[in-house]
Amino acid sequence: MAIHLTPTELGREAGMHRREVITKCMELGVPIFQGRIDKTLFLGSLKESQDKRALAKA
């Protein structure tokens, strides 16, 4: 199981489009190194961001 994925591969796994993955990386500060993204870091940062947003609404 690969951990470092291209934006297209990560988008498939996360249910997002390639461009959305890249945009989220920029927003969340997740590095893209040699065209690859750490899947664990990306998904963890995305979940944390969504949790913060949910708490702000409550």
C-alpha atoms as a PDB file:
ATOM      1  CA  MET A   1       0.000   0.000   0.000  1.00  0.00           C
ATOM      2  CA  ALA A   2       1.542   3.279  -1.142  1.00  0.00           C
ATOM      3  CA  ILE A   3       1.666   6.254   1.191  1.00  0.00           C
ATOM      4  CA  HIS A   4       2.994   8.904  -1.196  1.00  0.00           C
ATOM      5  CA  LEU A   5       0.521   9.391  -4.025  1.00  0.00           C
ATOM      6  CA  THR A   6       0.081  11.698  -6.979  1.00  0.00           C
ATOM      7  CA  PRO A   7      -2.780  14.216  -6.741  1.00  0.00           C
ATOM      8  CA  THR A   8      -4.811  12.080  -9.172  1.00  0.00           C
ATOM      9  CA  GLU A   9      -4.336   8.889  -7.138  1.00  0.00           C
ATOM     10  CA  LEU A  10      -5.064  10.670  -3.878  1.00  0.00           C
ATOM     11  CA  GLY A  11      -8.154  12.276  -5.385  1.00  0.00           C
ATOM     12  CA  ARG A  12      -9.482   8.849  -6.337  1.00  0.00           C
ATOM     13  CA  GLU A  13      -8.983   7.570  -2.804  1.00  0.00           C
ATOM     14  CA  ALA A  14     -10.422  10.671  -1.128  1.00  0.00           C
ATOM     15  CA  GLY A  15     -13.348  11.092  -3.536  1.00  0.00           C
ATOM     16  CA  MET A  16     -12.095  14.454  -4.799  1.00  0.00           C
ATOM     17  CA  HIS A  17     -10.919  15.900  -8.085  1.00  0.00           C
ATOM     18  CA  ARG A  18      -7.198  16.360  -8.723  1.00  0.00           C
ATOM     19  CA  ARG A  19      -7.473  20.154  -8.637  1.00  0.00           C
ATOM     20  CA  GLU A  20      -9.359  20.034  -5.305  1.00  0.00           C
ATOM     21  CA  VAL A  21      -6.560  17.936  -3.793  1.00  0.00           C
ATOM     22  CA  ILE A  22      -3.933  20.451  -4.897  1.00  0.00           C
ATOM     23  CA  THR A  23      -6.019  23.385  -3.624  1.00  0.00           C
ATOM     24  CA  LYS A  24      -6.511  21.721  -0.236  1.00  0.00           C
ATOM     25  CA  CYS A  25      -2.776  21.021   0.008  1.00  0.00           C
ATOM     26  CA  MET A  26      -2.106  24.717  -0.529  1.00  0.00           C
ATOM     27  CA  GLU A  27      -4.753  25.757   2.025  1.00  0.00           C
ATOM     28  CA  LEU A  28      -3.681  23.246   4.681  1.00  0.00           C
ATOM     29  CA  GLY A  29       0.054  23.548   4.155  1.00  0.00           C
ATOM     30  CA  VAL A  30       0.523  19.928   3.103  1.00  0.00           C
ATOM     31  CA  PRO A  31       3.716  19.681   1.039  1.00  0.00           C
ATOM     32  CA  ILE A  32       3.791  18.256  -2.472  1.00  0.00           C
ATOM     33  CA  PHE A  33       7.269  16.825  -2.951  1.00  0.00           C
ATOM     34  CA  GLN A  34       8.336  15.696  -6.419  1.00  0.00           C
ATOM     35  CA  GLY A  35       4.694  15.462  -7.463  1.00  0.00           C
ATOM     36  CA  ARG A  36       3.696  13.223  -4.558  1.00  0.00           C
ATOM     37  CA  ILE A  37       1.606  13.878  -1.447  1.00  0.00           C
ATOM     38  CA  ASP A  38       1.762  12.015   1.851  1.00  0.00           C
ATOM     39  CA  LYS A  39      -1.678  10.376   2.057  1.00  0.00           C
ATOM     40  CA  THR A  40      -1.715  10.116   5.858  1.00  0.00           C
ATOM     41  CA  LEU A  41      -0.718  13.756   6.347  1.00  0.00           C
ATOM     42  CA  PHE A  42      -3.253  14.974   3.770  1.00  0.00           C
ATOM     43  CA  LEU A  43      -6.197  12.979   5.135  1.00  0.00           C
ATOM     44  CA  GLY A  44      -5.317  13.862   8.745  1.00  0.00           C
ATOM     45  CA  SER A  45      -5.053  17.575   7.942  1.00  0.00           C
ATOM     46  CA  LEU A  46      -8.309  17.453   5.982  1.00  0.00           C
ATOM     47  CA  LYS A  47     -10.146  15.754   8.866  1.00  0.00           C
ATOM     48  CA  GLU A  48      -8.741  18.221  11.397  1.00  0.00           C
ATOM     49  CA  SER A  49      -9.830  21.138   9.227  1.00  0.00           C
ATOM     50  CA  GLN A  50     -13.346  19.732   8.897  1.00  0.00           C
ATOM     51  CA  ASP A  51     -13.550  19.097  12.657  1.00  0.00           C
ATOM     52  CA  LYS A  52     -12.534  22.694  13.415  1.00  0.00           C
ATOM     53  CA  ARG A  53     -15.149  23.971  10.979  1.00  0.00           C
ATOM     54  CA  ALA A  54     -17.836  21.810  12.630  1.00  0.00           C
ATOM     55  CA  LEU A  55     -16.912  23.110  16.092  1.00  0.00           C
ATOM     56  CA  ALA A  56     -17.025  26.704  14.859  1.00  0.00           C
ATOM     57  CA  LYS A  57     -20.580  26.189  13.602  1.00  0.00           C
ATOM     58  CA  ALA A  58     -21.768  24.640  16.892  1.00  0.00           C
END
